[in-house]
Each structure stands twice: as structure tokens, then as C-alpha cells.
Protein backbone atom coordinates (compact mmCIF):
# COMPACT_ATOMS: atom_id res chain seq x y z
CA MET A 1 0.00 0.00 0.00
CA LYS A 2 2.79 2.40 0.92
CA ARG A 3 4.59 1.52 -2.31
CA ILE A 4 1.50 2.42 -4.38
CA LEU A 5 1.07 5.76 -2.58
CA TYR A 6 4.77 6.49 -3.03
CA SER A 7 4.56 5.72 -6.77
CA GLN A 8 1.47 7.88 -7.18
CA GLY A 9 3.20 10.70 -5.30
CA LEU A 10 6.19 10.52 -7.62
CA ILE A 11 3.94 10.55 -10.68
CA LEU A 12 2.05 13.61 -9.40
CA LEU A 13 5.32 15.36 -8.62
CA ALA A 14 6.64 14.66 -12.13
CA VAL A 15 3.41 15.95 -13.70
CA PHE A 16 3.65 19.11 -11.56
CA PHE A 17 7.20 19.88 -12.74
CA ILE A 18 6.32 19.24 -16.36
CA LEU A 19 3.33 21.59 -16.15
CA ALA A 20 5.32 24.24 -14.28
CA GLY A 21 8.02 24.14 -16.96
CA THR A 22 5.45 24.39 -19.73
CA ILE A 23 3.78 27.38 -18.10
CA ALA A 24 7.13 29.13 -17.62
CA ILE A 25 8.00 28.66 -21.29
CA THR A 26 4.55 29.81 -22.41
CA LEU A 27 4.72 32.99 -20.34
CA GLY A 28 8.00 34.06 -21.84
CA GLY A 29 10.92 33.34 -19.61
CA ASP A 30 13.27 33.21 -22.60
CA SER A 31 14.60 36.79 -22.22
CA ARG A 32 12.75 38.20 -25.21
CA VAL A 33 12.17 41.94 -25.13
CA ASN A 34 8.58 41.67 -26.42
CA THR A 35 7.42 39.19 -23.78
CA ILE A 36 3.67 39.74 -24.18
CA THR A 37 3.58 41.86 -27.30
CA HIS A 38 2.61 40.12 -30.53
CA LEU A 39 4.69 41.34 -33.46
CA GLY A 40 3.43 39.07 -36.22
CA GLY A 41 5.81 36.22 -35.41
CA LEU A 42 8.81 38.43 -34.65
CA VAL A 43 10.75 38.05 -31.43
CA VAL A 44 13.31 40.64 -30.29
CA TYR A 45 16.31 39.68 -28.17
CA CYS A 46 19.32 41.41 -26.75
CA ALA A 47 22.15 39.03 -27.48
CA ASP A 48 25.60 38.29 -26.09
CA ALA A 49 28.77 37.74 -28.12
CA ASN A 50 27.52 34.24 -29.07
CA ARG A 51 24.15 35.65 -30.21
CA GLN A 52 22.43 33.99 -27.26
CA PRO A 53 19.70 35.84 -25.27
CA SER A 54 21.16 38.24 -22.72
CA ASP A 55 20.07 40.98 -20.34
CA ASP A 56 22.06 43.55 -22.34
CA TYR A 57 23.42 43.97 -25.86
CA GLU A 58 26.81 45.46 -24.94
CA ASP A 59 28.86 42.36 -25.82
CA GLY A 60 26.70 41.28 -28.75
CA GLY A 61 23.83 43.24 -30.22
CA LEU A 62 20.13 43.09 -31.04
CA LYS A 63 18.73 40.01 -32.73
CA VAL A 64 15.31 39.73 -34.36
CA LEU A 65 13.91 36.27 -35.16
CA TYR A 66 10.85 35.25 -37.16
CA TYR A 67 8.80 32.21 -36.11
CA LYS A 68 6.33 30.55 -38.46
CA ASP A 69 4.99 27.00 -38.57
CA GLY A 70 7.65 25.75 -36.16
CA GLN A 71 10.48 27.23 -38.25
CA VAL A 72 12.80 29.92 -36.91
CA SER A 73 14.90 32.29 -38.99
CA GLU A 74 17.11 35.20 -37.99
CA VAL A 75 15.70 38.33 -39.61
CA PHE A 76 18.62 40.54 -38.75
CA PHE A 77 21.34 41.09 -36.20
CA VAL A 78 22.68 44.55 -35.34
CA SER A 79 26.02 44.51 -33.54
CA ALA A 80 26.67 46.51 -30.38
CA GLU A 81 29.44 48.33 -32.26
CA ALA A 82 26.99 49.51 -34.92
CA ILE A 83 24.52 50.65 -32.25
CA ASP A 84 27.26 52.42 -30.28
CA ARG A 85 28.35 54.33 -33.40
CA LEU A 86 24.90 55.97 -33.39
CA GLY A 87 25.30 57.18 -29.80
CA ASP A 88 22.84 56.91 -26.94
CA ALA A 89 20.51 59.49 -28.46
CA PRO A 90 21.16 60.28 -32.13
CA THR A 91 20.13 63.71 -33.41
CA THR A 92 17.67 62.09 -35.83
CA ASN A 93 15.77 58.81 -35.80
CA VAL A 94 17.94 56.30 -37.65
CA ILE A 95 17.04 53.09 -39.44
CA ILE A 96 19.38 50.37 -38.17
CA GLY A 97 17.79 47.37 -39.83
CA THR A 98 15.09 46.39 -42.32
CA TRP A 99 13.64 43.11 -43.54
CA ASP A 100 11.16 42.46 -46.32
CA GLY A 101 9.13 39.74 -44.65
CA PRO A 102 5.98 37.86 -45.64
CA ASN A 103 3.80 40.48 -43.91
CA GLY A 104 5.61 43.51 -45.35
CA THR A 105 8.68 45.53 -44.47
CA ILE A 106 9.93 45.41 -40.88
CA THR A 107 12.03 48.38 -39.78
CA LEU A 108 14.17 48.73 -36.66
CA TYR A 109 15.02 52.27 -35.52
CA ARG A 110 17.23 53.96 -32.94
CA LEU A 111 15.18 56.95 -31.80
CA THR A 112 16.38 60.37 -30.67
CA SER A 113 15.02 59.46 -27.21
CA GLY A 114 17.59 56.65 -27.02
CA GLU A 115 14.88 54.00 -27.35
CA PHE A 116 14.66 51.34 -30.02
CA GLN A 117 11.50 50.89 -32.09
CA ILE A 118 10.39 48.18 -34.49
CA ASN A 119 7.58 48.88 -36.98
CA GLY A 120 5.84 46.45 -39.27
CA TYR A 121 2.67 44.50 -39.96
CA ASP A 122 1.43 41.31 -38.35
CA GLU A 123 0.05 38.32 -40.25
CA HIS A 124 -3.42 39.95 -40.34
CA GLY A 125 -2.15 43.15 -41.99
CA LYS A 126 -2.44 45.10 -38.74
CA PRO A 127 0.38 47.63 -38.30
CA PHE A 128 2.43 47.72 -35.10
CA ALA A 129 5.08 49.95 -33.54
CA PHE A 130 6.90 48.60 -30.49
CA SER A 131 9.39 50.74 -28.54
CA TRP A 132 11.73 49.74 -25.72
CA SER A 133 14.71 51.15 -23.90
CA GLU A 134 16.08 48.27 -21.83
CA CYS A 135 16.90 44.69 -22.65
CA ALA A 136 14.81 43.39 -19.76
CA ASP A 137 11.41 41.96 -20.63
CA GLU A 138 9.42 45.05 -21.52
CA GLY A 139 6.08 43.41 -22.17
CA ILE A 140 4.51 46.71 -23.19
CA PRO A 141 1.70 46.22 -25.70
CA ALA A 142 2.60 47.48 -29.16
CA GLN A 143 0.96 50.67 -30.33
CA SER A 144 -1.32 50.08 -33.25
CA SER A 145 -3.56 52.09 -35.48
CA GLY A 146 -5.85 49.13 -36.02
CA GLY A 147 -6.27 47.29 -39.28
CA SER A 148 -6.44 50.35 -41.49
CA GLY A 149 -3.16 49.50 -43.21
CA SER A 150 -1.32 52.63 -42.13
CA PHE A 151 1.24 53.06 -39.39
CA PRO A 152 0.45 54.92 -36.18
CA SER A 153 0.24 58.67 -36.55
CA ASN A 154 3.60 59.20 -34.87
CA PRO A 155 6.10 56.65 -36.21
CA PRO A 156 9.74 57.73 -36.30
CA ILE A 157 10.74 59.41 -39.51
CA ALA A 158 14.20 58.38 -40.65
CA THR A 159 15.92 61.50 -41.85
CA ASN A 160 19.22 59.70 -42.40
CA THR A 161 19.62 57.14 -45.14
CA PRO A 162 19.62 53.52 -43.96
CA ARG A 163 23.03 52.48 -42.76
CA PRO A 164 24.45 49.13 -43.81
CA ILE A 165 25.02 47.05 -40.73
């Protein structure tokens, strides 16, 4: 009898840890910047020198991945050196990366405020603009102008030409 209760206890404990791990993965926990913000399959990370998720970009850079149907591809990587050349707060908003994806063009900016911003469209054609300043999980919902097909009324305007990274 004790052996059966012990076995059942071990099974329940194993199930608990499996569920807890699944919940942690589902809720983020992978160091992405856009923890709860849907960006049409895009995930933004600060990366270390090995391009692994990190709590800052100083030794690596910013990495943007695209997830679709279980496949992952790196959209672009912007090195810390390239970001540092722009300064903490450039005098104009600067495009630091673009990608022509399946949902339209995705653009990554360094803003005059020192923040980063990524603009694009999700898989439903809805525009988004997501800004962040720190590499910690921001989780701030992306600004959106709805499904009208235009960007929000105040997206950054790149007055410099795109810089090759």
C-alpha cells in the first residue's frame, strides 16, 4: 500500500514539474524583449557575443527572429558596435535594420530618445510599432492604429539614409 502511494506521489510530482516548466516557457521566460507583445511572429532579443539571449546587448547586439509554422529564422542582427556608433541618443531617428518579410517591411530604428522601435505588420495586416529602452522583458503592448493599413500617426521618420550594418 505504501509503495502504491509512493509511486502515485512521484507521478504527481513529475506531472507538476512538467506543467510548471510548460507554463514558464509559455509565459515568456526566454529573455525576449517583447514578452507579451505580438509582433506578427517576430521576437526581439538582446544578445551576447555568441548571439544567445542576454540581459544587455553590450557584448553582442540586437537580434530579431521570425517564427512561423515551427520554423525559426534570424531576420537581422545589429552589432553593439553599430549601435554604439549611433550614440545613446542620435540627433535624428535612424534606421538600423530592415527586412522584407511575408507580412511587409519590418524596420528597426534607434530613436532620438535613445529608445529602439520596431515597426511592421502582423500576419493579419495590422500595423504595429513597439518601442523599448532596456533589454529586460518590456512586455509593453505594441501601439497600433488598427487594421487600417497605415502606421500609427507618430512613427519615427528616418531622416538619415539607412546604414548598412
